[in-house]
Protein backbone atom coordinates (compact mmCIF):
# COMPACT_ATOMS: atom_id res chain seq x y z
CA MET A 1 5.77 5.52 52.35
CA LYS A 2 8.91 7.14 50.33
CA ASN A 3 7.92 10.55 51.28
CA GLN A 4 8.23 9.51 54.89
CA ILE A 5 11.60 8.05 54.27
CA HIS A 6 13.01 11.18 52.48
CA LEU A 7 11.66 13.50 55.16
CA LEU A 8 13.54 10.94 57.82
CA LEU A 9 16.62 11.64 55.82
CA ALA A 10 16.08 15.42 55.39
CA ALA A 11 15.53 15.41 59.31
CA SER A 12 18.86 13.39 59.97
CA PRO A 13 22.49 14.51 59.80
CA LEU A 14 23.53 12.09 57.06
CA LEU A 15 24.83 14.41 54.51
CA HIS A 16 28.42 14.81 55.13
CA ALA A 17 29.57 18.48 55.81
CA GLU A 18 32.24 18.34 53.00
CA LEU A 19 29.46 17.62 50.54
CA PRO A 20 28.52 20.49 48.47
CA VAL A 21 24.58 20.45 49.09
CA ALA A 22 22.89 23.55 49.42
CA PRO A 23 21.95 25.05 52.63
CA GLY A 24 18.94 23.34 54.02
CA ALA A 25 18.46 21.11 50.97
CA GLU A 26 16.31 17.78 51.24
CA LEU A 27 16.06 15.18 48.90
CA LYS A 28 12.98 15.07 46.92
CA LEU A 29 10.94 12.26 45.50
CA VAL A 30 10.38 13.72 41.83
CA SER A 31 8.58 10.84 40.39
CA GLU A 32 7.89 7.13 40.76
CA GLY A 33 6.20 4.24 39.49
CA PHE A 34 8.94 3.08 36.73
CA LYS A 35 10.61 -0.31 36.54
CA PHE A 36 14.13 0.55 36.59
CA THR A 37 15.51 4.17 35.92
CA GLU A 38 18.80 5.00 34.24
CA GLY A 39 20.82 7.19 32.30
CA PRO A 40 19.79 10.84 33.22
CA ALA A 41 21.30 13.64 30.80
CA ALA A 42 20.23 17.28 30.60
CA ASP A 43 19.79 19.15 27.45
CA PRO A 44 21.06 22.80 27.07
CA GLU A 45 17.81 24.36 28.64
CA GLY A 46 18.40 21.75 31.64
CA ASN A 47 15.55 19.66 31.15
CA VAL A 48 16.49 15.93 32.06
CA PHE A 49 16.02 13.11 29.98
CA PHE A 50 16.38 9.52 31.58
CA THR A 51 15.41 5.71 30.74
CA ASP A 52 13.01 3.20 31.89
CA GLN A 53 14.71 0.44 30.38
CA PRO A 54 12.27 -2.42 30.96
CA ASN A 55 9.36 -0.47 29.66
CA ASP A 56 11.39 0.66 26.71
CA ARG A 57 10.98 4.21 27.14
CA ILE A 58 13.10 7.54 27.48
CA LEU A 59 11.30 10.17 29.53
CA LYS A 60 11.78 13.96 30.09
CA TRP A 61 11.63 16.11 33.16
CA SER A 62 10.86 19.53 31.92
CA VAL A 63 12.50 22.36 33.57
CA GLY A 64 9.66 24.93 33.49
CA THR A 65 6.67 22.59 34.94
CA GLY A 66 8.71 20.02 36.69
CA GLU A 67 6.59 17.28 34.93
CA VAL A 68 7.77 14.08 33.68
CA THR A 69 6.38 12.96 30.38
CA ASP A 70 6.98 10.05 27.89
CA PHE A 71 9.82 11.49 25.17
CA LEU A 72 10.33 8.29 23.26
CA LYS A 73 8.64 5.04 23.25
CA PRO A 74 9.87 2.26 21.96
CA ALA A 75 13.41 3.47 22.70
CA GLY A 76 15.41 0.47 21.69
CA ARG A 77 15.60 -0.37 25.60
CA SER A 78 18.04 2.56 25.90
CA ASN A 79 20.44 2.86 28.92
CA GLY A 80 22.80 5.48 29.09
CA LEU A 81 22.11 9.10 27.42
CA TYR A 82 24.39 11.89 26.66
CA PHE A 83 23.67 15.15 24.85
CA THR A 84 25.78 16.55 21.81
CA PRO A 85 26.97 20.28 21.86
CA ASP A 86 24.16 20.87 19.01
CA GLY A 87 21.27 19.39 21.28
CA ASN A 88 20.94 15.71 19.78
CA LEU A 89 20.56 13.18 22.20
CA ILE A 90 23.07 10.13 22.31
CA ALA A 91 21.48 6.68 23.46
CA CYS A 92 22.99 3.48 24.33
CA ALA A 93 20.22 1.39 22.75
CA ASP A 94 21.03 -2.27 23.73
CA GLU A 95 17.83 -4.04 22.64
CA LYS A 96 20.07 -4.52 19.42
CA SER A 97 23.46 -3.41 20.97
CA GLU A 98 23.51 -0.09 19.09
CA LEU A 99 24.54 3.56 19.77
CA TRP A 100 21.65 5.99 18.49
CA ASN A 101 21.76 9.72 17.93
CA ILE A 102 18.21 11.18 18.47
CA ASP A 103 17.05 14.17 16.86
CA THR A 104 15.05 15.82 19.59
CA ALA A 105 13.25 18.10 17.73
CA THR A 106 12.01 15.28 15.45
CA LYS A 107 12.53 12.20 17.53
CA GLU A 108 14.24 10.74 14.34
CA VAL A 109 16.61 8.03 15.30
CA THR A 110 20.00 7.41 13.43
CA VAL A 111 22.02 4.27 14.24
CA LEU A 112 25.70 5.18 14.59
CA LEU A 113 27.09 1.94 15.60
CA SER A 114 26.07 -1.71 15.91
CA GLY A 115 29.09 -3.38 16.29
CA TYR A 116 32.96 -3.58 16.08
CA ASP A 117 34.99 -5.75 13.70
CA GLY A 118 31.87 -7.55 12.41
CA LYS A 119 30.59 -8.44 15.53
CA LEU A 120 27.80 -7.36 17.84
CA PHE A 121 28.54 -5.09 20.93
CA ASN A 122 28.09 -6.60 24.25
CA GLY A 123 25.85 -4.08 24.90
CA PRO A 124 26.60 -0.05 25.01
CA ASN A 125 25.93 1.12 28.49
CA ASP A 126 27.33 4.50 29.25
CA VAL A 127 28.40 7.22 27.10
CA TRP A 128 30.11 10.55 27.08
CA VAL A 129 30.37 13.11 24.12
CA HIS A 130 33.66 14.88 23.65
CA PRO A 131 33.50 18.70 23.64
CA TYR A 132 35.55 18.62 20.58
CA GLY A 133 33.67 15.84 18.54
CA GLY A 134 33.49 12.27 19.09
CA MET A 135 32.17 10.21 22.17
CA PHE A 136 33.64 7.54 24.52
CA PHE A 137 31.47 4.60 25.56
CA THR A 138 31.55 1.55 27.47
CA ASP A 139 30.64 -1.80 26.32
CA PRO A 140 29.88 -4.31 29.21
CA PHE A 141 27.95 -7.67 28.93
CA TYR A 142 24.90 -8.01 30.69
CA LYS A 143 22.69 -10.61 29.49
CA ARG A 144 19.10 -9.57 28.79
CA ASP A 145 15.95 -11.32 29.05
CA TYR A 146 14.51 -9.32 25.93
CA TRP A 147 17.32 -10.63 23.85
CA GLU A 148 16.45 -13.58 21.17
CA GLY A 149 18.73 -16.21 20.30
CA ARG A 150 21.84 -14.50 21.94
CA GLU A 151 23.20 -16.41 25.12
CA ASN A 152 26.95 -15.20 24.93
CA SER A 153 29.04 -12.22 23.97
CA GLU A 154 30.32 -12.02 20.56
CA GLN A 155 33.24 -9.68 21.57
CA GLU A 156 36.28 -11.07 23.03
CA LYS A 157 36.30 -8.17 25.83
CA GLN A 158 34.44 -5.76 27.56
CA ARG A 159 35.80 -2.42 26.35
CA VAL A 160 36.16 1.37 26.34
CA PHE A 161 35.41 2.37 22.75
CA PHE A 162 35.83 5.90 21.38
CA LEU A 163 33.93 6.87 17.96
CA PRO A 164 35.65 9.60 16.40
CA LYS A 165 33.51 12.70 14.93
CA GLY A 166 32.00 11.80 11.78
CA ALA A 167 33.24 8.12 11.67
CA ASP A 168 31.49 5.01 11.19
CA LYS A 169 33.87 2.78 12.88
CA PRO A 170 34.84 3.11 16.64
CA VAL A 171 38.61 2.43 17.93
CA ILE A 172 39.41 0.57 21.23
CA ALA A 173 40.18 3.23 23.79
CA ASP A 174 41.00 0.64 26.66
CA ASP A 175 40.41 -3.25 26.57
CA THR A 176 42.29 -3.90 30.07
CA LEU A 177 39.11 -3.48 32.47
CA SER A 178 36.85 -6.27 33.78
CA GLN A 179 33.62 -4.82 33.21
CA PRO A 180 33.68 -1.04 32.57
CA ASN A 181 30.19 1.00 32.96
CA GLY A 182 29.92 4.40 33.96
CA ILE A 183 31.94 7.00 32.28
CA ILE A 184 32.28 10.67 32.30
CA GLY A 185 34.89 13.62 30.86
CA THR A 186 35.76 16.93 31.95
CA THR A 187 34.35 19.97 30.32
CA ASP A 188 38.02 20.99 28.87
CA GLY A 189 38.07 17.34 27.15
CA LYS A 190 41.51 16.46 28.62
CA THR A 191 40.29 13.85 31.43
CA LEU A 192 38.04 10.95 31.19
CA TYR A 193 36.91 8.54 34.29
CA VAL A 194 35.69 5.00 33.73
CA ALA A 195 34.25 2.97 36.61
CA ASP A 196 35.29 -0.80 36.35
CA ILE A 197 32.30 -2.03 38.31
CA GLY A 198 33.59 -5.66 38.01
CA ALA A 199 36.71 -5.10 39.74
CA ASN A 200 35.25 -2.27 42.24
CA LYS A 201 37.59 0.61 41.05
CA THR A 202 37.11 3.67 39.11
CA TYR A 203 40.07 5.12 36.85
CA ARG A 204 41.11 8.27 35.28
CA TYR A 205 42.87 8.88 32.08
CA ALA A 206 44.51 11.72 30.24
CA ILE A 207 42.78 12.39 26.93
CA LYS A 208 45.58 12.89 24.05
CA ALA A 209 45.34 15.53 21.39
CA ASP A 210 44.41 12.36 19.11
CA HIS A 211 41.72 11.29 21.53
CA SER A 212 43.51 8.14 22.59
CA LEU A 213 44.03 7.72 26.17
CA GLY A 214 46.71 7.74 28.51
CA GLU A 215 47.73 5.41 31.10
CA LYS A 216 44.87 4.69 33.44
CA GLU A 217 45.31 5.97 36.76
CA LEU A 218 43.77 4.43 39.93
CA PHE A 219 41.23 7.13 41.08
CA CYS A 220 39.45 5.42 43.98
CA GLU A 221 38.64 1.52 45.19
CA MET A 222 35.04 1.91 44.25
CA GLY A 223 33.13 1.01 41.02
CA SER A 224 30.04 2.40 39.88
CA ASP A 225 27.15 1.92 37.42
CA GLY A 226 26.93 5.65 36.48
CA MET A 227 28.59 8.90 37.43
CA THR A 228 28.61 12.80 36.95
CA LEU A 229 30.88 15.68 37.54
CA ASP A 230 30.31 19.24 39.14
CA SER A 231 32.19 22.17 38.09
CA GLU A 232 34.62 22.02 41.03
CA GLY A 233 35.76 18.76 39.67
CA ASN A 234 34.24 16.52 42.30
CA LEU A 235 33.04 13.35 41.09
CA TYR A 236 29.68 11.56 41.99
CA LEU A 237 29.52 7.74 41.95
CA THR A 238 26.38 5.46 42.32
CA GLY A 239 25.43 2.27 43.32
CA LYS A 240 24.58 2.22 47.37
CA GLY A 241 23.30 5.97 47.29
CA VAL A 242 25.52 8.76 45.72
CA THR A 243 29.09 8.74 46.96
CA VAL A 244 31.02 12.06 46.24
CA PHE A 245 34.88 12.23 46.08
CA GLY A 246 37.12 15.41 45.51
CA LYS A 247 39.29 15.58 42.43
CA ASP A 248 41.97 14.39 44.62
CA GLY A 249 40.42 11.37 45.31
CA LYS A 250 39.55 12.01 48.73
CA LYS A 251 36.05 10.99 49.77
CA LEU A 252 33.96 13.57 50.86
CA GLY A 253 30.76 11.80 51.85
CA GLU A 254 27.61 9.79 51.05
CA ILE A 255 24.18 11.03 49.85
CA PRO A 256 21.71 8.33 51.18
CA VAL A 257 18.90 7.26 48.71
CA PRO A 258 15.97 5.06 50.01
CA GLU A 259 16.30 2.58 47.22
CA GLY A 260 17.88 -0.75 46.85
CA TRP A 261 20.18 0.40 43.94
CA THR A 262 21.09 4.04 42.72
CA ALA A 263 21.73 3.47 38.93
CA ASN A 264 23.08 6.76 37.83
CA ALA A 265 22.95 10.81 38.42
CA THR A 266 23.38 14.08 36.51
CA PHE A 267 22.88 17.76 37.20
CA GLY A 268 19.94 19.81 35.52
CA GLY A 269 17.49 22.55 36.13
CA LYS A 270 17.82 26.23 35.21
CA GLU A 271 20.92 26.79 36.83
CA MET A 272 22.37 23.43 36.50
CA LYS A 273 22.84 23.21 40.32
CA THR A 274 20.05 20.30 41.02
CA LEU A 275 21.34 16.78 41.09
CA PHE A 276 19.16 14.55 39.93
CA ILE A 277 19.19 10.64 40.86
CA THR A 278 17.77 7.73 39.13
CA ALA A 279 17.21 4.82 41.68
CA MET A 280 15.07 1.69 40.91
CA ASP A 281 11.30 2.82 40.39
CA SER A 282 12.02 6.51 41.12
CA LEU A 283 13.62 9.84 40.14
CA TYR A 284 15.11 12.03 43.24
CA SER A 285 16.46 15.59 43.15
CA LEU A 286 18.85 17.16 45.62
CA GLU A 287 19.59 21.05 45.39
CA MET A 288 23.59 21.53 45.37
CA SER A 289 25.71 24.44 46.11
CA VAL A 290 27.94 24.00 42.70
CA GLU A 291 26.96 23.49 39.06
CA GLY A 292 27.00 20.51 37.26
CA ILE A 293 28.52 19.59 33.75
CA ARG A 294 26.34 18.77 30.75
């Protein structure tokens, strides 16, 4: 059925002309049969890692074979993922509201953080690693059915945090959002985008030299579960399919996806020109005319 759906999509003029999609490209079903896919991230070789949170595992799409295999299980109910410049995988492991560092060679897990001010995080959700060290992450509250003895948030607010390089304590980057979720930054480390899914808005911040954030600037009137950027500065937001905005905030168009919810997206593959989309029980891909960022 899904093959029929994606062929119908490919045969119809649903991809807006301004979108940086490769000529003749079709949305492809890469793999299915999961429970809820999330958190895609590409390693330095272009392999794409993503999570199947209800099934408590991190999976890997291999650039060489195109196969999807288990990478780590159990995986702390990991959600958002991102790679460090040296190839380690940062995971938002919300089973115990932790932030992990995973050595991809040995699969050894190091817990970087488990709370703020002596209290559990709400549940780290998405993370972006700054190119010069440290990482920003969002901490919204979504009650999980696998939590035991925990009904309410221990934190006063749902925040954006920054963990400085080498530090063992985070600092509050922004505590003015309703429910921060998707997050991504530019390769020069000067700009951060955060989606406030609770307020249905996405904001842009200047990142200062000390890694503190300038005043938030409304980028667009749309929230997002996850997000990514391409080399032209276009921002990809998720939810109902994938919606693409130019760096000026102008909507370029939508990429329809035949699922009820599109959780996240990232670029991967040998040339970093393949957009990978996590959507409910499936993983999709679409060839683009631009490179993505790692």
